[in-house]
Structure formats: C-alpha cells, structure tokens
Amino acid sequence: MFDTIKRRELLKKSGVLAMGMLSLPVWMPRVAFRQPNAAASAQDIMVVVFLRGGADGLNMVIPHGDPNYYALRRAIAIGQPGARKTGATIDLDGFFGLHPSLAPLQELWQQKTLAAVQAVGSPDPTHSHFDAMDYMERGTPGEKAMATGWIGRHLQVKASEKQSPFRAVGLGAIVQQSLRGSIPTIALQSIADFHLRGDAQQLGRIQQTISSLYDGNEFIEVEGQETLAAMDTLAKIANQAYKPSNNAKYPKTYFGQSLATLGQLIKSDLGVEVAAVDLGGWDTHQQQGAGEGQMARLLEEFAQGLAAFYTDMRDRMKNITLVTMSEFGRRAQENSSHGTDHGHGNVMFVMGGNVNGGKVYGDWPTLAPDKLYGPGDLEITTDFRDVLGEIAQKRLGNPNLAAIFPNYSTFNFRGVVKG
C-alpha cells in the first residue's frame, strides 16, 4: 500500500486530488467520502425541489376567496375560476385555486396524491436570497453555525444496512447545502453528460490511478473502490437510452432533464434515498405577468416536470415523497413595475403515493391590511420544519427530529402525509 507521500505524489501526477473529497473533472460525478460508521436508510425516497429566487406562492395557490387578493394585485392577479378571460384560476376547494399554468397537476390533485401548504415558510425575517436559502437548507433559521444540512443530518442519524454511494444525489454542478454532511453525496449534472463529454483516455487513467491507490481494505481504500464502482455504474447506465414509462414526457429543459435523470437513477435500483433538484428564475420584480408572462412560463415548466416525473414513476410512487420549497414568498401587493418584491409567507407542495392529497393545509391569515406581516407580506402560520419534519418522521422513518432540526421542538404536524 502506498504511504502518504507516495499517494500524494501519484495523485498530483494523475490530476486527482484527495482532500476528504474526491475531485473529478466537471463531467464526472462528485462523490464525497463519508465518515466511518455513518449510514442511513429511508422508507421512502425523498425528492426535494427548491424553487430558487423566491417563488410567488400567492400566484401559485391563489386565495381567490379572499377579496384582498384582488385589491392588492390589480395587474397580476389570476382571474376568478370560471372567468371568461384567458388565464382563470383552476378552483380547488372554493377558496383556493391553482394558477392555470399548473393545469398538469390538476389530475394529481384530484387523485389525492398532491397537497399544498399555504402561508408556510421560515420564521426568520430576512429578505436576502442567500441568507434565506442558507437558513432553510441548513434547517436552522437565523443560525449558520451548523455546517451540515437538514437532509445530511437525517441521513447521518438514520441507521441503514445500505452502503450505496448513490444514497444522496444532488442534481446540479454542486452539492446542495441541504445534503451536506458526513454521508456520501453525488453532484451529477446528467448521465448523458457523463457519457458523452467524458474523455475515455483520461477516465481510464484516473480509474487506473485510483485502483492502484486504493487496493486494500482500510477505510480510505474502501471509499476509493466505491467511487470507482459509482463511475462504472454510471458508464453502464449512460450506454442505455432512457425511455420514460407510461409515455411520460419531460420538458426539454434543464429542470425536466434533471428529473428524468433522477427517474433513471431510481429505476436502476442504485440505492437512491434522497435527491435534491433546483429550478431557478423566480425573482420576479418586474413584469411578472398573470395568466401569461415570465412566471406563467416557469410554472408551466415546473408543473410539466412534476407531472412527468409522477407519470414515469407511477409504479414506484408508493415509496416516493416529493416536496417543494422556496426561500420566501413575495410581497402581497404588486409593485409599480407589475412585479412583486421579496416577501415572507409562501406555499409548499407535497406529492406522492402516501400523501393525504386534494387539500390545502395551513391556517389562512388573510390578506387584510392589519393581518399582513412586516412591510406587507403574507404572515406565516406553518413553519417549514413542520412539513419537512412530518415527512422525515412518517415517510422516512426517522423520529429523531431533534437531530435533524436542532433547537426546534414545537412541531405541529398538519397531517399532510400518511404514517
């Protein structure tokens, strides 16, 4: 076995660096080494979709039964259900409705496999994108001292016999903060990129180097062998043209292809337990639009992606729970540029075979002027950790919520998912 000096020299010569994490070329998966004896398992596969930029929840799940909504949004309000003009709200329960671009989700709602939580979010009052996202992904509003993310801590404390390097997958160029922790995490842009953009000669050289370095049975050797196995597995999958089940059609966008990649990984039975997917572009300060416009186009991409994923994974959705979140909502009143500024309360969707769907959860605080928060935001009546904690306990089989969300003990489950 190489000693430390020889190991470093060979790594430098081969272009591979080992510093607690294997650093690979941009087209290859990133596999972070875990700490000894850290393992995790989940009853469901959990998928977290983060809408980055502060999505306007008031124009996603519209409170058309609250007259204040229309008084505050004369230009960008979504029309009442049944309105003859284009872009009317899709009624859900007589009070709330879906944006018309979310029509692909209507069938899931009717099948009771999709639920929404309105007036939900982080109690921290920040209107900073960076801070708000960071707090939510760490699961510690107002506190950045803890370096790990809430999903990473879930995996760390949940015992498992599985040792797959694919247990935690982040779809994107880097590992999302929520996944960070001691459990191995892969950041993967796409299986196709791994296959098509890879330099076969370079890949072979790296594999040969790692094989030489990690030919043993100690901790670091075993981790290197698992990384090689992950690379081999992805190479084999990449050679197979992926055909979604049930004629599912993913959007031909980065978000749609990320969900398709995740579907392919799950179907390959690689041991995926948690995954994080991002969709950006929600910072709609100007020309947000109502039934049409920039937000409507984003919502269409979002809805088509979720609907395609559900259709593709239909036979497995009894063991998959997908939740969406965003760092904060938007101001209740539109601004002079026909957009919305950074707000507070927002909406979360929960989708899966064990969701108590077809219902909007949460206590509606109203949009009356004396009920708005701070400078004019939707008040939060459900902490986002209540939703995530319920999923972790009921669907992921992890009752240790104190470890996942430290310094938070007043959980109020809404009954969004089945036990």
Protein backbone atom coordinates (compact mmCIF):
# COMPACT_ATOMS: atom_id res chain seq x y z
CA MET A 1 0.00 0.00 0.00
CA PHE A 2 1.32 3.48 -0.83
CA ASP A 3 2.49 5.63 2.06
CA THR A 4 1.13 9.16 2.41
CA ILE A 5 3.91 10.87 0.43
CA LYS A 6 3.73 8.45 -2.48
CA ARG A 7 -0.03 8.68 -2.50
CA ARG A 8 0.07 12.48 -2.79
CA GLU A 9 2.74 12.42 -5.47
CA LEU A 10 0.78 9.98 -7.59
CA LEU A 11 -2.42 11.97 -7.13
CA LYS A 12 -0.71 15.14 -8.30
CA LYS A 13 0.75 13.41 -11.34
CA SER A 14 -2.60 11.96 -12.32
CA GLY A 15 -4.50 15.21 -11.79
CA VAL A 16 -6.60 13.77 -8.96
CA LEU A 17 -6.63 15.38 -5.52
CA ALA A 18 -7.74 13.65 -2.33
CA MET A 19 -8.67 16.10 0.43
CA GLY A 20 -11.56 14.43 2.17
CA MET A 21 -13.46 14.54 -1.13
CA LEU A 22 -12.58 13.07 -4.50
CA SER A 23 -12.22 15.92 -7.00
CA LEU A 24 -13.07 14.77 -10.51
CA PRO A 25 -13.38 16.51 -13.89
CA VAL A 26 -16.52 18.61 -14.38
CA TRP A 27 -18.27 15.94 -16.44
CA MET A 28 -17.84 13.26 -13.77
CA PRO A 29 -19.89 12.66 -10.61
CA ARG A 30 -18.63 14.15 -7.37
CA VAL A 31 -18.54 11.60 -4.59
CA ALA A 32 -17.90 12.93 -1.10
CA PHE A 33 -16.31 10.45 1.30
CA ARG A 34 -18.36 9.68 4.38
CA GLN A 35 -17.13 9.30 7.92
CA PRO A 36 -16.69 5.80 9.35
CA ASN A 37 -19.80 4.12 10.67
CA ALA A 38 -22.12 6.78 9.22
CA ALA A 39 -25.03 5.13 7.46
CA ALA A 40 -28.62 5.90 6.64
CA SER A 41 -31.79 4.47 5.26
CA ALA A 42 -35.22 5.71 4.26
CA GLN A 43 -38.58 4.02 3.92
CA ASP A 44 -39.47 6.40 1.10
CA ILE A 45 -37.20 8.01 -1.43
CA MET A 46 -37.42 11.74 -0.74
CA VAL A 47 -37.07 14.32 -3.51
CA VAL A 48 -36.68 17.99 -2.57
CA VAL A 49 -37.34 20.55 -5.32
CA PHE A 50 -36.03 24.00 -4.39
CA LEU A 51 -37.52 26.94 -6.31
CA ARG A 52 -34.65 29.41 -6.10
CA GLY A 53 -35.35 33.11 -6.27
CA GLY A 54 -38.41 33.35 -4.03
CA ALA A 55 -41.43 31.95 -5.85
CA ASP A 56 -44.70 33.88 -5.59
CA GLY A 57 -46.87 31.41 -3.71
CA LEU A 58 -49.86 33.75 -3.85
CA ASN A 59 -49.99 33.31 -7.62
CA MET A 60 -49.35 29.57 -7.44
CA VAL A 61 -52.09 28.56 -4.99
CA ILE A 62 -54.38 31.56 -5.36
CA PRO A 63 -56.64 32.65 -2.48
CA HIS A 64 -59.40 33.67 -4.86
CA GLY A 65 -61.86 33.62 -1.97
CA ASP A 66 -60.00 36.46 -0.22
CA PRO A 67 -61.16 39.78 -1.74
CA ASN A 68 -57.98 41.46 -0.50
CA TYR A 69 -56.01 39.44 -3.04
CA TYR A 70 -57.67 41.23 -5.95
CA ALA A 71 -57.46 44.61 -4.24
CA LEU A 72 -53.68 44.21 -3.83
CA ARG A 73 -52.97 42.81 -7.29
CA ARG A 74 -54.92 44.68 -9.91
CA ALA A 75 -52.47 43.93 -12.75
CA ILE A 76 -51.10 40.49 -11.91
CA ALA A 77 -54.00 38.79 -10.11
CA ILE A 78 -55.18 35.50 -11.62
CA GLY A 79 -58.82 35.69 -12.64
CA GLN A 80 -61.62 34.12 -10.64
CA PRO A 81 -62.49 30.50 -11.51
CA GLY A 82 -64.87 30.38 -14.43
CA ALA A 83 -63.86 33.81 -15.71
CA ARG A 84 -64.28 34.05 -19.45
CA LYS A 85 -60.95 35.74 -19.99
CA THR A 86 -57.82 33.70 -20.60
CA GLY A 87 -55.93 32.50 -17.55
CA ALA A 88 -58.65 31.87 -14.99
CA THR A 89 -57.85 30.18 -11.69
CA ILE A 90 -58.40 26.41 -11.51
CA ASP A 91 -60.62 26.06 -8.45
CA LEU A 92 -59.56 23.54 -5.78
CA ASP A 93 -61.91 23.94 -2.83
CA GLY A 94 -64.00 27.05 -3.33
CA PHE A 95 -61.41 29.32 -1.71
CA PHE A 96 -58.02 28.34 -3.16
CA GLY A 97 -57.14 27.55 -6.75
CA LEU A 98 -54.21 26.69 -8.98
CA HIS A 99 -52.55 29.01 -11.46
CA PRO A 100 -53.71 27.94 -14.95
CA SER A 101 -50.13 27.00 -15.90
CA LEU A 102 -50.27 24.38 -13.14
CA ALA A 103 -53.03 22.53 -15.01
CA PRO A 104 -50.80 19.42 -15.46
CA LEU A 105 -51.03 18.96 -11.67
CA GLN A 106 -54.82 19.07 -11.53
CA GLU A 107 -55.20 15.34 -12.14
CA LEU A 108 -52.77 14.55 -9.30
CA TRP A 109 -54.80 16.82 -7.05
CA GLN A 110 -57.99 15.00 -7.98
CA GLN A 111 -56.27 11.66 -7.36
CA LYS A 112 -55.32 12.98 -3.91
CA THR A 113 -51.62 12.41 -4.49
CA LEU A 114 -50.81 16.14 -4.37
CA ALA A 115 -51.33 18.53 -1.46
CA ALA A 116 -50.38 22.14 -0.77
CA VAL A 117 -49.49 24.01 2.41
CA GLN A 118 -50.24 27.73 2.22
CA ALA A 119 -48.82 30.52 4.44
CA VAL A 120 -45.74 28.42 5.19
CA GLY A 121 -42.09 29.37 5.45
CA SER A 122 -39.14 30.24 7.63
CA PRO A 123 -39.72 32.40 10.71
CA ASP A 124 -36.52 34.34 10.06
CA PRO A 125 -37.47 37.79 8.70
CA THR A 126 -34.61 38.15 6.20
CA HIS A 127 -35.37 39.26 2.66
CA SER A 128 -31.90 38.21 1.48
CA HIS A 129 -31.96 35.37 -1.05
CA PHE A 130 -28.61 34.00 0.10
CA ASP A 131 -29.40 34.05 3.81
CA ALA A 132 -32.95 32.74 3.43
CA MET A 133 -31.88 29.81 1.25
CA ASP A 134 -28.98 29.04 3.56
CA TYR A 135 -31.16 29.02 6.67
CA MET A 136 -33.77 26.75 5.10
CA GLU A 137 -31.25 24.29 3.70
CA ARG A 138 -29.41 24.09 7.00
CA GLY A 139 -32.78 23.78 8.76
CA THR A 140 -31.68 26.36 11.31
CA PRO A 141 -33.39 29.72 10.66
CA GLY A 142 -31.24 32.64 11.77
CA GLU A 143 -28.28 30.37 12.55
CA LYS A 144 -25.30 29.42 10.36
CA ALA A 145 -23.02 27.87 12.95
CA MET A 146 -24.01 24.34 11.92
CA ALA A 147 -22.19 23.40 8.72
CA THR A 148 -24.40 20.45 7.78
CA GLY A 149 -27.76 20.48 6.03
CA TRP A 150 -31.02 19.08 7.37
CA ILE A 151 -31.04 16.18 4.89
CA GLY A 152 -27.41 15.39 5.64
CA ARG A 153 -28.22 15.17 9.36
CA HIS A 154 -31.22 12.97 8.64
CA LEU A 155 -29.02 10.53 6.77
CA GLN A 156 -26.38 10.59 9.46
CA VAL A 157 -28.69 9.62 12.31
CA LYS A 158 -30.86 7.11 10.40
CA ALA A 159 -29.20 3.70 10.55
CA SER A 160 -29.11 1.54 7.45
CA GLU A 161 -27.52 -1.55 6.08
CA LYS A 162 -27.15 0.08 2.66
CA GLN A 163 -23.74 1.33 1.58
CA SER A 164 -24.53 2.68 -1.89
CA PRO A 165 -22.62 5.80 -2.98
CA PHE A 166 -25.87 6.89 -4.68
CA ARG A 167 -27.87 7.25 -1.47
CA ALA A 168 -27.81 11.06 -1.68
CA VAL A 169 -27.87 12.72 -5.10
CA GLY A 170 -27.81 16.41 -5.93
CA LEU A 171 -28.83 17.20 -9.49
CA GLY A 172 -26.59 20.08 -10.47
CA ALA A 173 -22.98 21.25 -10.62
CA ILE A 174 -22.50 21.32 -6.83
CA VAL A 175 -23.94 19.54 -3.83
CA GLN A 176 -26.85 21.49 -2.36
CA GLN A 177 -26.34 22.77 1.19
CA SER A 178 -29.25 20.66 2.46
CA LEU A 179 -27.38 17.46 1.51
CA ARG A 180 -24.09 18.37 3.12
CA GLY A 181 -22.93 16.15 5.94
CA SER A 182 -20.96 13.02 6.63
CA ILE A 183 -22.85 10.77 4.20
CA PRO A 184 -21.55 10.36 0.62
CA THR A 185 -23.28 12.68 -1.83
CA ILE A 186 -23.07 12.75 -5.61
CA ALA A 187 -23.47 16.00 -7.56
CA LEU A 188 -24.48 14.93 -11.04
CA GLN A 189 -25.50 17.22 -13.89
CA SER A 190 -26.67 14.43 -16.17
CA ILE A 191 -25.87 10.84 -17.01
CA ALA A 192 -25.68 11.82 -20.68
CA ASP A 193 -23.01 14.43 -19.97
CA PHE A 194 -21.02 11.88 -18.03
CA HIS A 195 -21.14 9.56 -21.01
CA LEU A 196 -20.80 11.94 -23.97
CA ARG A 197 -18.41 14.54 -22.62
CA GLY A 198 -16.09 12.18 -20.85
CA ASP A 199 -12.58 11.71 -22.16
CA ALA A 200 -12.22 7.93 -22.29
CA GLN A 201 -8.43 8.08 -22.09
CA GLN A 202 -8.50 10.43 -19.12
CA LEU A 203 -11.20 8.37 -17.41
CA GLY A 204 -9.17 5.21 -17.86
CA ARG A 205 -6.08 6.89 -16.44
CA ILE A 206 -7.97 8.15 -13.40
CA GLN A 207 -9.57 4.76 -12.79
CA GLN A 208 -6.20 3.07 -13.03
CA THR A 209 -4.67 5.55 -10.60
CA ILE A 210 -7.47 5.16 -8.06
CA SER A 211 -7.32 1.38 -8.36
CA SER A 212 -3.60 1.48 -7.52
CA LEU A 213 -4.08 3.89 -4.64
CA TYR A 214 -7.00 2.13 -3.03
CA ASP A 215 -6.14 -1.53 -3.38
CA GLY A 216 -6.75 -2.53 0.22
CA ASN A 217 -9.41 -2.97 2.87
CA GLU A 218 -8.88 0.06 5.12
CA PHE A 219 -11.44 2.88 5.25
CA ILE A 220 -9.91 5.14 2.60
CA GLU A 221 -9.25 2.20 0.26
CA VAL A 222 -12.86 1.04 0.53
CA GLU A 223 -14.09 4.58 -0.23
CA GLY A 224 -11.93 4.74 -3.35
CA GLN A 225 -13.26 1.41 -4.52
CA GLU A 226 -16.84 2.64 -4.03
CA THR A 227 -16.07 5.72 -6.13
CA LEU A 228 -14.78 3.51 -8.94
CA ALA A 229 -17.89 1.37 -8.69
CA ALA A 230 -20.06 4.50 -8.97
CA MET A 231 -18.19 5.61 -12.08
CA ASP A 232 -18.55 2.17 -13.66
CA THR A 233 -22.26 2.05 -12.86
CA LEU A 234 -22.91 5.45 -14.41
CA ALA A 235 -20.97 4.48 -17.51
CA LYS A 236 -23.15 1.39 -17.97
CA ILE A 237 -26.36 3.36 -17.47
CA ALA A 238 -25.20 6.05 -19.89
CA ASN A 239 -24.94 3.45 -22.65
CA GLN A 240 -28.66 2.77 -22.32
CA ALA A 241 -31.09 5.17 -24.00
CA TYR A 242 -33.61 6.12 -21.31
CA LYS A 243 -37.24 5.68 -22.20
CA PRO A 244 -39.65 7.04 -19.54
CA SER A 245 -42.53 4.76 -18.57
CA ASN A 246 -46.20 5.37 -19.28
CA ASN A 247 -45.40 7.73 -22.18
CA ALA A 248 -44.21 10.38 -19.75
CA LYS A 249 -42.81 13.46 -21.49
CA TYR A 250 -40.32 15.50 -19.52
CA PRO A 251 -39.80 19.16 -20.51
CA LYS A 252 -36.73 19.63 -22.68
CA THR A 253 -35.24 21.96 -20.10
CA TYR A 254 -32.53 21.58 -17.50
CA PHE A 255 -35.18 21.03 -14.82
CA GLY A 256 -37.05 18.46 -16.88
CA GLN A 257 -33.91 16.56 -17.79
CA SER A 258 -32.75 16.62 -14.16
CA LEU A 259 -35.98 14.89 -13.13
CA ALA A 260 -35.57 12.41 -16.00
CA THR A 261 -32.02 11.67 -14.83
CA LEU A 262 -33.30 11.12 -11.31
CA GLY A 263 -36.00 8.78 -12.60
CA GLN A 264 -33.40 6.76 -14.46
CA LEU A 265 -31.20 6.52 -11.36
CA ILE A 266 -34.10 5.40 -9.17
CA LYS A 267 -35.23 2.78 -11.67
CA SER A 268 -31.70 1.43 -11.87
CA ASP A 269 -32.06 0.43 -8.19
CA LEU A 270 -28.78 2.04 -7.19
CA GLY A 271 -29.94 2.71 -3.65
CA VAL A 272 -31.02 6.35 -4.05
CA GLU A 273 -32.65 7.55 -0.81
CA VAL A 274 -32.71 11.32 -1.10
CA ALA A 275 -32.31 13.71 -4.03
CA ALA A 276 -32.26 17.49 -4.45
CA VAL A 277 -33.31 19.25 -7.65
CA ASP A 278 -33.30 23.01 -8.32
CA LEU A 279 -35.38 25.29 -10.52
CA GLY A 280 -34.31 28.94 -10.55
CA GLY A 281 -35.60 32.17 -12.02
CA TRP A 282 -38.36 33.08 -9.53
CA ASP A 283 -37.15 36.59 -8.61
CA THR A 284 -40.00 38.38 -10.39
CA HIS A 285 -39.53 42.06 -9.51
CA GLN A 286 -40.63 43.25 -12.94
CA GLN A 287 -43.28 42.21 -15.47
CA GLN A 288 -44.21 39.08 -13.56
CA GLY A 289 -47.35 38.58 -15.57
CA ALA A 290 -50.61 36.95 -14.56
CA GLY A 291 -52.04 34.09 -16.61
CA GLU A 292 -49.27 34.70 -19.11
CA GLY A 293 -45.73 36.02 -18.81
CA GLN A 294 -42.42 35.03 -17.25
CA MET A 295 -43.84 33.41 -14.12
CA ALA A 296 -46.51 31.57 -16.08
CA ARG A 297 -43.79 30.05 -18.26
CA LEU A 298 -41.81 28.95 -15.20
CA LEU A 299 -44.91 27.43 -13.64
CA GLU A 300 -45.61 25.51 -16.83
CA GLU A 301 -42.10 24.06 -16.81
CA PHE A 302 -42.45 23.25 -13.09
CA ALA A 303 -45.85 21.55 -13.49
CA GLN A 304 -44.91 19.61 -16.60
CA GLY A 305 -41.77 18.35 -14.86
CA LEU A 306 -43.58 17.18 -11.74
CA ALA A 307 -46.40 15.60 -13.73
CA ALA A 308 -43.93 13.77 -16.00
CA PHE A 309 -41.95 12.50 -13.01
CA TYR A 310 -45.12 11.18 -11.37
CA THR A 311 -46.26 9.51 -14.59
CA ASP A 312 -42.84 7.99 -15.22
CA MET A 313 -42.51 6.74 -11.63
CA ARG A 314 -46.16 5.77 -11.15
CA ASP A 315 -45.38 2.18 -10.18
CA ARG A 316 -42.94 3.40 -7.52
CA MET A 317 -44.75 6.44 -6.14
CA LYS A 318 -45.94 4.49 -3.10
CA ASN A 319 -42.36 4.78 -1.94
CA ILE A 320 -41.53 8.28 -3.15
CA THR A 321 -42.36 11.59 -1.48
CA LEU A 322 -41.57 14.83 -3.29
CA VAL A 323 -41.70 18.21 -1.54
CA THR A 324 -41.17 21.69 -2.99
CA MET A 325 -39.92 24.77 -1.19
CA SER A 326 -38.61 28.27 -1.84
CA GLU A 327 -36.62 30.67 0.35
CA PHE A 328 -39.52 33.10 0.82
CA GLY A 329 -42.66 34.31 -0.90
CA ARG A 330 -43.41 37.69 -2.48
CA ARG A 331 -44.97 40.90 -1.21
CA ALA A 332 -48.76 40.75 -1.13
CA GLN A 333 -49.14 43.96 -3.13
CA GLU A 334 -47.75 44.22 -6.63
CA ASN A 335 -45.16 46.94 -7.26
CA SER A 336 -45.15 49.74 -9.83
CA SER A 337 -43.25 47.52 -12.31
CA HIS A 338 -46.06 44.93 -12.36
CA GLY A 339 -43.92 42.58 -10.33
CA THR A 340 -43.59 41.59 -6.69
CA ASP A 341 -40.84 42.29 -4.18
CA HIS A 342 -39.35 39.93 -1.59
CA GLY A 343 -41.90 38.74 0.92
CA HIS A 344 -42.37 36.23 3.73
CA GLY A 345 -45.05 33.51 3.69
CA ASN A 346 -45.21 31.10 0.78
CA VAL A 347 -46.57 27.75 -0.42
CA MET A 348 -45.14 24.22 -0.41
CA PHE A 349 -46.35 21.25 -2.47
CA VAL A 350 -46.12 17.63 -1.34
CA MET A 351 -46.56 14.85 -3.91
CA GLY A 352 -46.52 11.08 -3.53
CA GLY A 353 -48.44 7.86 -3.16
CA ASN A 354 -48.81 8.33 0.59
CA VAL A 355 -49.82 11.98 0.59
CA ASN A 356 -53.19 12.97 2.02
CA GLY A 357 -53.76 14.98 -1.11
CA GLY A 358 -56.52 17.05 -2.61
CA LYS A 359 -56.33 19.58 0.21
CA VAL A 360 -54.72 22.93 1.03
CA TYR A 361 -53.26 22.73 4.53
CA GLY A 362 -52.47 25.52 6.97
CA ASP A 363 -54.27 28.35 8.70
CA TRP A 364 -55.05 31.17 6.30
CA PRO A 365 -54.20 34.51 7.99
CA THR A 366 -56.00 36.56 5.29
CA LEU A 367 -54.50 39.37 3.27
CA ALA A 368 -56.34 42.07 5.19
CA PRO A 369 -54.07 45.10 5.78
CA ASP A 370 -53.97 44.61 9.55
CA LYS A 371 -53.03 40.92 9.15
CA LEU A 372 -50.02 41.39 6.89
CA TYR A 373 -46.51 40.79 8.19
CA GLY A 374 -43.83 43.47 8.30
CA PRO A 375 -43.87 45.75 5.25
CA GLY A 376 -46.86 43.98 3.71
CA ASP A 377 -46.13 40.25 3.46
CA LEU A 378 -48.21 37.12 3.88
CA GLU A 379 -47.97 36.01 7.50
CA ILE A 380 -46.51 32.55 8.21
CA THR A 381 -48.79 30.21 10.15
CA THR A 382 -46.88 26.96 9.44
CA ASP A 383 -43.14 26.59 9.97
CA PHE A 384 -41.46 24.86 7.01
CA ARG A 385 -39.83 22.48 9.50
CA ASP A 386 -43.29 21.19 10.47
CA VAL A 387 -43.80 19.96 6.89
CA LEU A 388 -40.30 18.53 6.48
CA GLY A 389 -40.32 17.04 9.97
CA GLU A 390 -43.61 15.26 9.30
CA ILE A 391 -42.19 13.76 6.11
CA ALA A 392 -39.00 12.70 7.90
CA GLN A 393 -40.86 11.01 10.73
CA LYS A 394 -43.79 9.46 8.89
CA ARG A 395 -42.34 8.63 5.49
CA LEU A 396 -38.59 8.34 6.11
CA GLY A 397 -38.93 6.51 9.40
CA ASN A 398 -36.78 8.95 11.34
CA PRO A 399 -38.24 10.04 14.69
CA ASN A 400 -35.07 11.87 15.76
CA LEU A 401 -36.27 15.30 14.72
CA ALA A 402 -34.14 16.99 17.37
CA ALA A 403 -31.04 15.92 15.44
CA ILE A 404 -32.45 16.97 12.07
CA PHE A 405 -33.79 20.32 13.22
CA PRO A 406 -31.85 21.32 16.36
CA ASN A 407 -33.31 23.99 18.66
CA TYR A 408 -36.82 23.43 17.34
CA SER A 409 -39.23 21.40 19.39
CA THR A 410 -42.71 22.83 18.75
CA PHE A 411 -43.57 20.69 15.76
CA ASN A 412 -47.15 20.97 14.55
CA PHE A 413 -47.87 18.27 12.00
CA ARG A 414 -50.68 19.08 9.63
CA GLY A 415 -51.44 15.52 8.54
CA VAL A 416 -50.10 16.09 5.03
CA VAL A 417 -48.69 12.54 4.70
CA LYS A 418 -49.75 9.13 5.93
CA GLY A 419 -47.81 7.32 8.63
